């Protein structure tokens, strides 16, 4: 009887101990879930605050640079700096969110440091674009609003980002040029100077009076309002071509009026040459007979059959009569 009571007491004690352990585990899990919910809520608050902080920092940077005289009218530096500030604020907020969720940021930094070589090799093109963007910002070969020619693509600069230079061509097509390729290529800033010189090449006939042609071209360019009087327009013979004399007309205009002035000068030059009686030659094809078409060829070339064929115009050059030796046979 006593042994039965001892067994029952042992089972009761074991059950009470198990219930106590379950209660402790449940309390621990409840505490962990509560802490995670609190940390998740705080992390969401930090993330939201980071978004607003990035916008505020970008706006503050834009206003601060707008007060600086050197950057007030230069949107290139302003947009680049605003984007850098926005990225830095997002990076700081992301690290704070990870740290609040219990992630050891020191270990993340250590892993990133160990993998920096692999990341650098994998992203060498992207990182080179960032470095090239910084160099373009420092050297400033062009600014937002300039008309440039980069790799054969002509367009107006819209913005300079960390990775790309955005252009807009004459057809309003967006062109995204990587900064690394832009920095490594030849950049033609078509609006970098206040004035530009146009160079037009026209051809006149060999039998025309070249002095009259020069006067007509110079007068035509001088009559355009957009052409600058100083330096004055100039025209002269620059080459002797197969079927024409090449004359070059040069005139100066402002960079803003260049394209329209070029078209106007071309039209005025054509009309002035027509009024002066100067012909602008164009390619002709002339058939020149060589020798006598009916002259007999040498016997070694035609042979006996060819000579016989010429005696019969209906044979198309071939004699259909049998040979004498075949008739005899």
C-alpha atoms as a PDB file:
ATOM      1  CA  UNK A   1       0.000   0.000   0.000  1.00  0.00           C
ATOM      2  CA  UNK A   2       2.781   2.379   0.906  1.00  0.00           C
ATOM      3  CA  UNK A   3       4.545   1.661  -2.379  1.00  0.00           C
ATOM      4  CA  UNK A   4       1.416   2.573  -4.293  1.00  0.00           C
ATOM      5  CA  UNK A   5       1.150   5.876  -2.473  1.00  0.00           C
ATOM      6  CA  UNK A   6       4.804   6.645  -3.177  1.00  0.00           C
ATOM      7  CA  UNK A   7       4.297   5.988  -6.905  1.00  0.00           C
ATOM      8  CA  UNK A   8       1.240   8.210  -6.961  1.00  0.00           C
ATOM      9  CA  UNK A   9       3.130  11.009  -5.185  1.00  0.00           C
ATOM     10  CA  UNK A  10       5.972  10.695  -7.666  1.00  0.00           C
ATOM     11  CA  UNK A  11       3.617  10.968 -10.673  1.00  0.00           C
ATOM     12  CA  UNK A  12       1.847  13.925  -9.099  1.00  0.00           C
ATOM     13  CA  UNK A  13       5.134  15.716  -8.502  1.00  0.00           C
ATOM     14  CA  UNK A  14       6.248  15.018 -12.067  1.00  0.00           C
ATOM     15  CA  UNK A  15       3.008  16.381 -13.463  1.00  0.00           C
ATOM     16  CA  UNK A  16       3.225  19.511 -11.363  1.00  0.00           C
ATOM     17  CA  UNK A  17       6.817  20.022 -12.528  1.00  0.00           C
ATOM     18  CA  UNK A  18       5.782  19.594 -16.177  1.00  0.00           C
ATOM     19  CA  UNK A  19       2.950  22.089 -15.788  1.00  0.00           C
ATOM     20  CA  UNK A  20       5.336  24.543 -14.186  1.00  0.00           C
ATOM     21  CA  UNK A  21       7.817  24.117 -17.069  1.00  0.00           C
ATOM     22  CA  UNK A  22       5.052  24.632 -19.636  1.00  0.00           C
ATOM     23  CA  UNK A  23       3.925  27.749 -17.844  1.00  0.00           C
ATOM     24  CA  UNK A  24       7.475  29.097 -17.834  1.00  0.00           C
ATOM     25  CA  UNK A  25       7.918  28.324 -21.547  1.00  0.00           C
ATOM     26  CA  UNK A  26       4.582  29.907 -22.379  1.00  0.00           C
ATOM     27  CA  UNK A  27       5.493  32.984 -20.407  1.00  0.00           C
ATOM     28  CA  UNK A  28       8.892  33.112 -22.151  1.00  0.00           C
ATOM     29  CA  UNK A  29       7.333  32.752 -25.608  1.00  0.00           C
ATOM     30  CA  UNK A  30       4.784  35.405 -24.763  1.00  0.00           C
ATOM     31  CA  UNK A  31       7.581  37.713 -23.661  1.00  0.00           C
ATOM     32  CA  UNK A  32       9.581  37.038 -26.848  1.00  0.00           C
ATOM     33  CA  UNK A  33       6.527  37.629 -29.031  1.00  0.00           C
ATOM     34  CA  UNK A  34       5.760  40.839 -27.195  1.00  0.00           C
ATOM     35  CA  UNK A  35       9.337  42.066 -27.512  1.00  0.00           C
ATOM     36  CA  UNK A  36       9.373  41.209 -31.230  1.00  0.00           C
ATOM     37  CA  UNK A  37       6.072  43.006 -31.777  1.00  0.00           C
ATOM     38  CA  UNK A  38       7.430  46.053 -29.990  1.00  0.00           C
ATOM     39  CA  UNK A  39      10.710  45.947 -31.947  1.00  0.00           C
ATOM     40  CA  UNK A  40       8.822  45.437 -35.223  1.00  0.00           C
ATOM     41  CA  UNK A  41       6.586  48.398 -34.472  1.00  0.00           C
ATOM     42  CA  UNK A  42       9.588  50.548 -33.603  1.00  0.00           C
ATOM     43  CA  UNK A  43      11.358  49.365 -36.769  1.00  0.00           C
ATOM     44  CA  UNK A  44       8.347  50.359 -38.885  1.00  0.00           C
ATOM     45  CA  UNK A  45       8.308  53.749 -37.159  1.00  0.00           C
ATOM     46  CA  UNK A  46      12.043  54.160 -37.884  1.00  0.00           C
ATOM     47  CA  UNK A  47      11.500  53.170 -41.521  1.00  0.00           C
ATOM     48  CA  UNK A  48       8.681  55.678 -41.895  1.00  0.00           C
ATOM     49  CA  UNK A  49      10.756  58.342 -40.214  1.00  0.00           C
ATOM     50  CA  UNK A  50      13.634  57.504 -42.555  1.00  0.00           C
ATOM     51  CA  UNK A  51      11.458  58.133 -45.613  1.00  0.00           C
ATOM     52  CA  UNK A  52      10.346  61.512 -44.296  1.00  0.00           C
ATOM     53  CA  UNK A  53      13.897  62.319 -43.153  1.00  0.00           C
ATOM     54  CA  UNK A  54      15.252  61.547 -46.637  1.00  0.00           C
ATOM     55  CA  UNK A  55      12.708  63.881 -48.218  1.00  0.00           C
ATOM     56  CA  UNK A  56      13.425  66.596 -45.669  1.00  0.00           C
ATOM     57  CA  UNK A  57      17.203  66.230 -46.082  1.00  0.00           C
ATOM     58  CA  UNK A  58      16.882  66.390 -49.869  1.00  0.00           C
ATOM     59  CA  UNK A  59      14.758  69.521 -49.682  1.00  0.00           C
ATOM     60  CA  UNK A  60      17.103  71.111 -47.147  1.00  0.00           C
ATOM     61  CA  UNK A  61      20.124  70.317 -49.318  1.00  0.00           C
ATOM     62  CA  UNK A  62      18.412  71.803 -52.368  1.00  0.00           C
ATOM     63  CA  UNK A  63      17.560  74.997 -50.464  1.00  0.00           C
ATOM     64  CA  UNK A  64      21.047  75.250 -48.960  1.00  0.00           C
ATOM     65  CA  UNK A  65      22.746  74.881 -52.348  1.00  0.00           C
ATOM     66  CA  UNK A  66      20.265  77.342 -53.814  1.00  0.00           C
ATOM     67  CA  UNK A  67      21.607  79.997 -51.472  1.00  0.00           C
ATOM     68  CA  UNK A  68      25.164  79.484 -52.712  1.00  0.00           C
ATOM     69  CA  UNK A  69      25.921  81.814 -55.594  1.00  0.00           C
ATOM     70  CA  UNK A  70      28.006  79.288 -57.508  1.00  0.00           C
ATOM     71  CA  UNK A  71      25.315  76.576 -57.390  1.00  0.00           C
ATOM     72  CA  UNK A  72      22.211  78.725 -57.600  1.00  0.00           C
ATOM     73  CA  UNK A  73      21.897  78.456 -61.378  1.00  0.00           C
ATOM     74  CA  UNK A  74      23.599  75.077 -61.759  1.00  0.00           C
ATOM     75  CA  UNK A  75      21.083  72.219 -61.448  1.00  0.00           C
ATOM     76  CA  UNK A  76      23.791  69.668 -62.275  1.00  0.00           C
ATOM     77  CA  UNK A  77      25.543  69.870 -58.896  1.00  0.00           C
ATOM     78  CA  UNK A  78      22.253  70.366 -57.086  1.00  0.00           C
ATOM     79  CA  UNK A  79      20.566  67.206 -58.399  1.00  0.00           C
ATOM     80  CA  UNK A  80      23.713  65.125 -57.845  1.00  0.00           C
ATOM     81  CA  UNK A  81      24.161  66.321 -54.239  1.00  0.00           C
ATOM     82  CA  UNK A  82      20.467  65.820 -53.433  1.00  0.00           C
ATOM     83  CA  UNK A  83      20.606  62.242 -54.638  1.00  0.00           C
ATOM     84  CA  UNK A  84      23.743  61.493 -52.603  1.00  0.00           C
ATOM     85  CA  UNK A  85      22.134  62.882 -49.436  1.00  0.00           C
ATOM     86  CA  UNK A  86      18.980  60.841 -50.024  1.00  0.00           C
ATOM     87  CA  UNK A  87      20.975  57.613 -50.419  1.00  0.00           C
ATOM     88  CA  UNK A  88      22.969  58.275 -47.238  1.00  0.00           C
ATOM     89  CA  UNK A  89      19.830  58.899 -45.161  1.00  0.00           C
ATOM     90  CA  UNK A  90      18.247  55.696 -46.463  1.00  0.00           C
ATOM     91  CA  UNK A  91      21.405  53.758 -45.634  1.00  0.00           C
ATOM     92  CA  UNK A  92      21.510  55.047 -42.049  1.00  0.00           C
ATOM     93  CA  UNK A  93      17.817  54.289 -41.547  1.00  0.00           C
ATOM     94  CA  UNK A  94      18.225  50.762 -42.933  1.00  0.00           C
ATOM     95  CA  UNK A  95      21.044  50.030 -40.485  1.00  0.00           C
ATOM     96  CA  UNK A  96      18.936  51.371 -37.609  1.00  0.00           C
ATOM     97  CA  UNK A  97      16.005  49.136 -38.610  1.00  0.00           C
ATOM     98  CA  UNK A  98      18.221  46.043 -38.705  1.00  0.00           C
ATOM     99  CA  UNK A  99      19.728  46.878 -35.344  1.00  0.00           C
ATOM    100  CA  UNK A 100      16.271  47.319 -33.805  1.00  0.00           C
ATOM    101  CA  UNK A 101      15.184  43.914 -35.107  1.00  0.00           C
ATOM    102  CA  UNK A 102      18.095  42.316 -33.305  1.00  0.00           C
ATOM    103  CA  UNK A 103      20.439  41.884 -36.230  1.00  0.00           C
ATOM    104  CA  UNK A 104      24.050  42.472 -35.279  1.00  0.00           C
ATOM    105  CA  UNK A 105      25.118  45.254 -37.594  1.00  0.00           C
ATOM    106  CA  UNK A 106      28.769  44.731 -36.670  1.00  0.00           C
ATOM    107  CA  UNK A 107      28.621  41.229 -38.111  1.00  0.00           C
ATOM    108  CA  UNK A 108      26.941  42.563 -41.243  1.00  0.00           C
ATOM    109  CA  UNK A 109      29.680  45.139 -41.661  1.00  0.00           C
ATOM    110  CA  UNK A 110      32.301  42.427 -41.154  1.00  0.00           C
ATOM    111  CA  UNK A 111      30.676  40.209 -43.778  1.00  0.00           C
ATOM    112  CA  UNK A 112      30.434  43.108 -46.194  1.00  0.00           C
ATOM    113  CA  UNK A 113      34.076  43.923 -45.572  1.00  0.00           C
ATOM    114  CA  UNK A 114      35.101  40.327 -46.244  1.00  0.00           C
ATOM    115  CA  UNK A 115      32.988  40.237 -49.411  1.00  0.00           C
ATOM    116  CA  UNK A 116      34.010  43.697 -50.594  1.00  0.00           C
ATOM    117  CA  UNK A 117      36.462  42.284 -53.123  1.00  0.00           C
ATOM    118  CA  UNK A 118      33.849  40.020 -54.710  1.00  0.00           C
ATOM    119  CA  UNK A 119      31.229  42.757 -54.656  1.00  0.00           C
ATOM    120  CA  UNK A 120      33.702  45.214 -56.170  1.00  0.00           C
ATOM    121  CA  UNK A 121      34.550  42.813 -58.990  1.00  0.00           C
ATOM    122  CA  UNK A 122      30.883  42.043 -59.637  1.00  0.00           C
ATOM    123  CA  UNK A 123      29.858  45.691 -59.598  1.00  0.00           C
ATOM    124  CA  UNK A 124      32.953  47.210 -61.148  1.00  0.00           C
ATOM    125  CA  UNK A 125      30.905  48.634 -64.025  1.00  0.00           C
ATOM    126  CA  UNK A 126      28.370  50.204 -61.656  1.00  0.00           C
ATOM    127  CA  UNK A 127      31.040  51.540 -59.330  1.00  0.00           C
ATOM    128  CA  UNK A 128      32.956  52.956 -62.286  1.00  0.00           C
ATOM    129  CA  UNK A 129      29.798  54.812 -63.301  1.00  0.00           C
ATOM    130  CA  UNK A 130      29.600  56.344 -59.826  1.00  0.00           C
ATOM    131  CA  UNK A 131      33.273  57.357 -59.917  1.00  0.00           C
ATOM    132  CA  UNK A 132      32.835  58.768 -63.417  1.00  0.00           C
ATOM    133  CA  UNK A 133      29.774  60.693 -62.246  1.00  0.00           C
ATOM    134  CA  UNK A 134      31.837  62.275 -59.471  1.00  0.00           C
ATOM    135  CA  UNK A 135      34.573  63.212 -61.958  1.00  0.00           C
ATOM    136  CA  UNK A 136      32.026  64.704 -64.357  1.00  0.00           C
ATOM    137  CA  UNK A 137      30.622  66.694 -61.470  1.00  0.00           C
ATOM    138  CA  UNK A 138      34.084  67.979 -60.523  1.00  0.00           C
ATOM    139  CA  UNK A 139      35.387  68.699 -64.033  1.00  0.00           C
ATOM    140  CA  UNK A 140      31.967  69.807 -65.343  1.00  0.00           C
ATOM    141  CA  UNK A 141      32.482  69.405 -69.112  1.00  0.00           C
ATOM    142  CA  UNK A 142      28.750  70.071 -69.483  1.00  0.00           C
ATOM    143  CA  UNK A 143      25.836  71.259 -67.405  1.00  0.00           C
ATOM    144  CA  UNK A 144      22.112  70.642 -67.370  1.00  0.00           C
ATOM    145  CA  UNK A 145      20.629  72.386 -70.398  1.00  0.00           C
ATOM    146  CA  UNK A 146      23.756  72.148 -72.594  1.00  0.00           C
ATOM    147  CA  UNK A 147      23.558  70.627 -76.069  1.00  0.00           C
ATOM    148  CA  UNK A 148      26.183  67.880 -76.282  1.00  0.00           C
ATOM    149  CA  UNK A 149      27.359  65.178 -78.652  1.00  0.00           C
ATOM    150  CA  UNK A 150      28.331  62.023 -76.760  1.00  0.00           C
ATOM    151  CA  UNK A 151      29.296  58.993 -78.818  1.00  0.00           C
ATOM    152  CA  UNK A 152      27.405  60.314 -81.834  1.00  0.00           C
ATOM    153  CA  UNK A 153      24.226  60.981 -79.822  1.00  0.00           C
ATOM    154  CA  UNK A 154      23.248  64.663 -79.910  1.00  0.00           C
ATOM    155  CA  UNK A 155      20.881  65.850 -77.213  1.00  0.00           C
ATOM    156  CA  UNK A 156      20.245  68.335 -74.440  1.00  0.00           C
ATOM    157  CA  UNK A 157      21.395  67.330 -70.945  1.00  0.00           C
ATOM    158  CA  UNK A 158      18.407  66.776 -68.665  1.00  0.00           C
ATOM    159  CA  UNK A 159      20.096  65.524 -65.492  1.00  0.00           C
ATOM    160  CA  UNK A 160      23.271  63.932 -64.118  1.00  0.00           C
ATOM    161  CA  UNK A 161      22.678  61.019 -61.719  1.00  0.00           C
ATOM    162  CA  UNK A 162      24.998  58.682 -59.853  1.00  0.00           C
ATOM    163  CA  UNK A 163      24.969  56.157 -62.681  1.00  0.00           C
ATOM    164  CA  UNK A 164      23.610  57.825 -65.841  1.00  0.00           C
ATOM    165  CA  UNK A 165      23.566  61.053 -67.802  1.00  0.00           C
ATOM    166  CA  UNK A 166      20.110  61.666 -69.220  1.00  0.00           C
ATOM    167  CA  UNK A 167      19.823  63.383 -72.610  1.00  0.00           C
ATOM    168  CA  UNK A 168      16.866  64.427 -74.742  1.00  0.00           C
ATOM    169  CA  UNK A 169      17.409  64.626 -78.504  1.00  0.00           C
ATOM    170  CA  UNK A 170      15.631  66.782 -81.072  1.00  0.00           C
ATOM    171  CA  UNK A 171      12.829  64.196 -81.402  1.00  0.00           C
ATOM    172  CA  UNK A 172      12.265  64.294 -77.611  1.00  0.00           C
ATOM    173  CA  UNK A 173      13.688  60.778 -77.200  1.00  0.00           C
ATOM    174  CA  UNK A 174      15.209  60.027 -73.811  1.00  0.00           C
ATOM    175  CA  UNK A 175      18.848  58.864 -74.009  1.00  0.00           C
ATOM    176  CA  UNK A 176      20.422  57.243 -70.933  1.00  0.00           C
ATOM    177  CA  UNK A 177      24.221  57.264 -71.228  1.00  0.00           C
ATOM    178  CA  UNK A 178      26.274  55.471 -68.509  1.00  0.00           C
ATOM    179  CA  UNK A 179      28.635  57.876 -66.800  1.00  0.00           C
ATOM    180  CA  UNK A 180      31.583  55.532 -67.303  1.00  0.00           C
ATOM    181  CA  UNK A 181      31.107  55.497 -71.066  1.00  0.00           C
ATOM    182  CA  UNK A 182      30.496  59.246 -71.145  1.00  0.00           C
ATOM    183  CA  UNK A 183      33.664  59.997 -69.206  1.00  0.00           C
ATOM    184  CA  UNK A 184      35.730  57.655 -71.401  1.00  0.00           C
ATOM    185  CA  UNK A 185      34.388  59.019 -74.701  1.00  0.00           C
ATOM    186  CA  UNK A 186      34.857  62.293 -76.568  1.00  0.00           C
ATOM    187  CA  UNK A 187      32.379  64.923 -75.389  1.00  0.00           C
ATOM    188  CA  UNK A 188      31.389  67.696 -77.789  1.00  0.00           C
ATOM    189  CA  UNK A 189      29.662  70.511 -75.946  1.00  0.00           C
ATOM    190  CA  UNK A 190      27.842  72.212 -78.819  1.00  0.00           C
ATOM    191  CA  UNK A 191      26.522  75.000 -76.630  1.00  0.00           C
ATOM    192  CA  UNK A 192      29.615  75.382 -74.462  1.00  0.00           C
ATOM    193  CA  UNK A 193      30.653  78.555 -76.283  1.00  0.00           C
ATOM    194  CA  UNK A 194      28.600  81.686 -76.768  1.00  0.00           C
ATOM    195  CA  UNK A 195      29.129  81.841 -80.545  1.00  0.00           C
ATOM    196  CA  UNK A 196      29.551  79.154 -83.199  1.00  0.00           C
ATOM    197  CA  UNK A 197      30.852  79.160 -86.759  1.00  0.00           C
ATOM    198  CA  UNK A 198      28.982  77.408 -89.543  1.00  0.00           C
ATOM    199  CA  UNK A 199      30.831  75.982 -92.536  1.00  0.00           C
ATOM    200  CA  UNK A 200      28.828  75.338 -95.691  1.00  0.00           C
ATOM    201  CA  UNK A 201      30.296  73.664 -98.773  1.00  0.00           C
ATOM    202  CA  UNK A 202      28.733  74.304-102.187  1.00  0.00           C
ATOM    203  CA  UNK A 203      29.801  73.387-105.703  1.00  0.00           C
ATOM    204  CA  UNK A 204      29.845  75.678-108.770  1.00  0.00           C
ATOM    205  CA  UNK A 205      30.580  74.922-112.392  1.00  0.00           C
ATOM    206  CA  UNK A 206      34.050  75.141-113.881  1.00  0.00           C
ATOM    207  CA  UNK A 207      32.830  77.603-116.486  1.00  0.00           C
ATOM    208  CA  UNK A 208      31.284  80.040-113.965  1.00  0.00           C
ATOM    209  CA  UNK A 209      32.878  83.227-112.660  1.00  0.00           C
ATOM    210  CA  UNK A 210      34.266  82.386-109.236  1.00  0.00           C
ATOM    211  CA  UNK A 211      34.507  86.008-108.082  1.00  0.00           C
ATOM    212  CA  UNK A 212      30.816  86.556-108.771  1.00  0.00           C
ATOM    213  CA  UNK A 213      30.032  83.337-106.903  1.00  0.00           C
ATOM    214  CA  UNK A 214      32.068  84.501-103.884  1.00  0.00           C
ATOM    215  CA  UNK A 215      30.316  87.864-103.784  1.00  0.00           C
ATOM    216  CA  UNK A 216      26.916  86.195-104.058  1.00  0.00           C
ATOM    217  CA  UNK A 217      27.638  83.809-101.187  1.00  0.00           C
ATOM    218  CA  UNK A 218      29.023  86.494 -98.874  1.00  0.00           C
ATOM    219  CA  UNK A 219      26.086  88.783 -99.647  1.00  0.00           C
ATOM    220  CA  UNK A 220      23.601  86.000 -98.968  1.00  0.00           C
ATOM    221  CA  UNK A 221      25.114  85.246 -95.559  1.00  0.00           C
ATOM    222  CA  UNK A 222      25.356  88.917 -94.631  1.00  0.00           C
ATOM    223  CA  UNK A 223      21.653  89.383 -95.339  1.00  0.00           C
ATOM    224  CA  UNK A 224      20.603  86.957 -92.571  1.00  0.00           C
ATOM    225  CA  UNK A 225      19.784  88.754 -89.313  1.00  0.00           C
ATOM    226  CA  UNK A 226      21.095  85.915 -87.126  1.00  0.00           C
ATOM    227  CA  UNK A 227      24.557  86.060 -88.744  1.00  0.00           C
ATOM    228  CA  UNK A 228      27.030  88.133 -86.743  1.00  0.00           C
ATOM    229  CA  UNK A 229      28.781  90.979 -88.566  1.00  0.00           C
ATOM    230  CA  UNK A 230      32.039  90.358 -86.702  1.00  0.00           C
ATOM    231  CA  UNK A 231      33.713  88.122 -87.741  1.00  0.00           C
ATOM    232  CA  UNK A 232      32.326  88.837 -91.190  1.00  0.00           C
ATOM    233  CA  UNK A 233      31.184  86.006 -93.500  1.00  0.00           C
ATOM    234  CA  UNK A 234      33.856  84.572 -95.787  1.00  0.00           C
ATOM    235  CA  UNK A 235      33.738  82.527 -99.006  1.00  0.00           C
ATOM    236  CA  UNK A 236      36.518  80.982-101.068  1.00  0.00           C
ATOM    237  CA  UNK A 237      37.584  78.069-103.254  1.00  0.00           C
ATOM    238  CA  UNK A 238      38.627  75.096-101.124  1.00  0.00           C
ATOM    239  CA  UNK A 239      38.812  72.184-103.567  1.00  0.00           C
ATOM    240  CA  UNK A 240      38.651  71.187-107.248  1.00  0.00           C
ATOM    241  CA  UNK A 241      36.330  68.212-107.613  1.00  0.00           C
ATOM    242  CA  UNK A 242      35.631  65.966-110.601  1.00  0.00           C
ATOM    243  CA  UNK A 243      32.629  67.879-111.902  1.00  0.00           C
ATOM    244  CA  UNK A 244      32.540  71.087-109.837  1.00  0.00           C
ATOM    245  CA  UNK A 245      34.583  73.680-107.990  1.00  0.00           C
ATOM    246  CA  UNK A 246      34.036  73.416-104.242  1.00  0.00           C
ATOM    247  CA  UNK A 247      33.450  76.716-102.470  1.00  0.00           C
ATOM    248  CA  UNK A 248      33.211  77.065 -98.684  1.00  0.00           C
ATOM    249  CA  UNK A 249      31.067  79.688 -96.976  1.00  0.00           C
ATOM    250  CA  UNK A 250      31.698  80.445 -93.286  1.00  0.00           C
ATOM    251  CA  UNK A 251      29.612  82.629 -91.008  1.00  0.00           C
ATOM    252  CA  UNK A 252      29.308  83.182 -87.266  1.00  0.00           C
ATOM    253  CA  UNK A 253      26.165  83.115 -85.156  1.00  0.00           C
ATOM    254  CA  UNK A 254      25.166  82.570 -81.533  1.00  0.00           C
ATOM    255  CA  UNK A 255      24.901  79.001 -80.285  1.00  0.00           C
ATOM    256  CA  UNK A 256      21.178  79.390 -79.637  1.00  0.00           C
ATOM    257  CA  UNK A 257      20.487  80.522 -83.242  1.00  0.00           C
ATOM    258  CA  UNK A 258      22.902  78.132 -84.935  1.00  0.00           C
ATOM    259  CA  UNK A 259      20.565  75.560 -86.488  1.00  0.00           C
ATOM    260  CA  UNK A 260      17.960  77.983 -87.793  1.00  0.00           C
ATOM    261  CA  UNK A 261      20.634  80.381 -89.050  1.00  0.00           C
ATOM    262  CA  UNK A 262      22.388  77.512 -90.847  1.00  0.00           C
ATOM    263  CA  UNK A 263      19.184  76.579 -92.658  1.00  0.00           C
ATOM    264  CA  UNK A 264      18.497  80.225 -93.583  1.00  0.00           C
ATOM    265  CA  UNK A 265      22.026  80.743 -94.924  1.00  0.00           C
ATOM    266  CA  UNK A 266      21.798  77.583 -97.023  1.00  0.00           C
ATOM    267  CA  UNK A 267      18.566  78.763 -98.611  1.00  0.00           C
ATOM    268  CA  UNK A 268      19.871  82.293 -99.171  1.00  0.00           C
ATOM    269  CA  UNK A 269      23.080  80.947-100.759  1.00  0.00           C
ATOM    270  CA  UNK A 270      21.123  78.786-103.211  1.00  0.00           C
ATOM    271  CA  UNK A 271      18.861  81.680-104.170  1.00  0.00           C
ATOM    272  CA  UNK A 272      21.820  84.076-104.553  1.00  0.00           C
ATOM    273  CA  UNK A 273      23.666  81.677-106.865  1.00  0.00           C
ATOM    274  CA  UNK A 274      20.540  81.222-108.975  1.00  0.00           C
ATOM    275  CA  UNK A 275      20.070  84.987-109.210  1.00  0.00           C
ATOM    276  CA  UNK A 276      23.694  85.438-110.303  1.00  0.00           C
ATOM    277  CA  UNK A 277      23.376  82.765-113.001  1.00  0.00           C
ATOM    278  CA  UNK A 278      25.794  80.401-111.233  1.00  0.00           C
ATOM    279  CA  UNK A 279      25.060  76.738-111.812  1.00  0.00           C
ATOM    280  CA  UNK A 280      25.339  74.204-108.998  1.00  0.00           C
ATOM    281  CA  UNK A 281      26.455  71.048-110.848  1.00  0.00           C
ATOM    282  CA  UNK A 282      25.065  67.629-110.016  1.00  0.00           C
ATOM    283  CA  UNK A 283      26.367  64.232-111.103  1.00  0.00           C
ATOM    284  CA  UNK A 284      25.669  63.275-114.738  1.00  0.00           C
ATOM    285  CA  UNK A 285      26.097  60.013-116.609  1.00  0.00           C
ATOM    286  CA  UNK A 286      27.321  60.487-120.173  1.00  0.00           C
ATOM    287  CA  UNK A 287      27.635  57.662-122.701  1.00  0.00           C
ATOM    288  CA  UNK A 288      30.826  58.128-124.732  1.00  0.00           C
ATOM    289  CA  UNK A 289      31.215  55.884-127.853  1.00  0.00           C
ATOM    290  CA  UNK A 290      34.562  54.200-128.128  1.00  0.00           C
ATOM    291  CA  UNK A 291      35.800  53.500-131.668  1.00  0.00           C
ATOM    292  CA  UNK A 292      33.713  52.140-134.566  1.00  0.00           C
ATOM    293  CA  UNK A 293      30.979  49.718-133.531  1.00  0.00           C
ATOM    294  CA  UNK A 294      31.076  48.056-136.970  1.00  0.00           C
ATOM    295  CA  UNK A 295      34.837  47.707-137.251  1.00  0.00           C
ATOM    296  CA  UNK A 296      35.853  44.062-137.702  1.00  0.00           C
ATOM    297  CA  UNK A 297      37.708  42.411-134.884  1.00  0.00           C
ATOM    298  CA  UNK A 298      40.970  40.608-135.506  1.00  0.00           C
ATOM    299  CA  UNK A 299      40.706  37.161-136.963  1.00  0.00           C
ATOM    300  CA  UNK A 300      42.286  35.623-133.881  1.00  0.00           C
ATOM    301  CA  UNK A 301      39.433  37.067-131.806  1.00  0.00           C
ATOM    302  CA  UNK A 302      36.451  36.263-134.014  1.00  0.00           C
ATOM    303  CA  UNK A 303      37.564  33.196-135.832  1.00  0.00           C
ATOM    304  CA  UNK A 304      36.155  32.007-139.092  1.00  0.00           C
ATOM    305  CA  UNK A 305      32.628  31.580-137.705  1.00  0.00           C
ATOM    306  CA  UNK A 306      32.567  35.201-136.546  1.00  0.00           C
ATOM    307  CA  UNK A 307      33.565  36.440-139.991  1.00  0.00           C
ATOM    308  CA  UNK A 308      30.847  34.387-141.583  1.00  0.00           C
ATOM    309  CA  UNK A 309      28.318  35.612-139.023  1.00  0.00           C
ATOM    310  CA  UNK A 310      28.932  39.253-139.942  1.00  0.00           C
ATOM    311  CA  UNK A 311      27.914  38.495-143.510  1.00  0.00           C
ATOM    312  CA  UNK A 312      24.499  37.350-142.286  1.00  0.00           C
ATOM    313  CA  UNK A 313      22.893  39.999-140.014  1.00  0.00           C
ATOM    314  CA  UNK A 314      20.079  37.612-139.059  1.00  0.00           C
ATOM    315  CA  UNK A 315      22.459  35.097-137.519  1.00  0.00           C
ATOM    316  CA  UNK A 316      23.164  37.270-134.436  1.00  0.00           C
ATOM    317  CA  UNK A 317      26.845  36.860-135.065  1.00  0.00           C
ATOM    318  CA  UNK A 318      26.827  33.111-135.673  1.00  0.00           C
ATOM    319  CA  UNK A 319      26.840  31.540-139.088  1.00  0.00           C
ATOM    320  CA  UNK A 320      24.321  28.714-139.417  1.00  0.00           C
ATOM    321  CA  UNK A 321      25.691  27.444-142.746  1.00  0.00           C
ATOM    322  CA  UNK A 322      27.600  24.189-142.602  1.00  0.00           C
ATOM    323  CA  UNK A 323      31.281  24.158-143.350  1.00  0.00           C
ATOM    324  CA  UNK A 324      32.534  23.315-146.828  1.00  0.00           C
ATOM    325  CA  UNK A 325      34.236  20.173-145.661  1.00  0.00           C
ATOM    326  CA  UNK A 326      30.926  18.927-144.148  1.00  0.00           C
ATOM    327  CA  UNK A 327      29.100  19.598-147.472  1.00  0.00           C
ATOM    328  CA  UNK A 328      31.736  17.662-149.313  1.00  0.00           C
ATOM    329  CA  UNK A 329      31.316  14.787-146.901  1.00  0.00           C
END
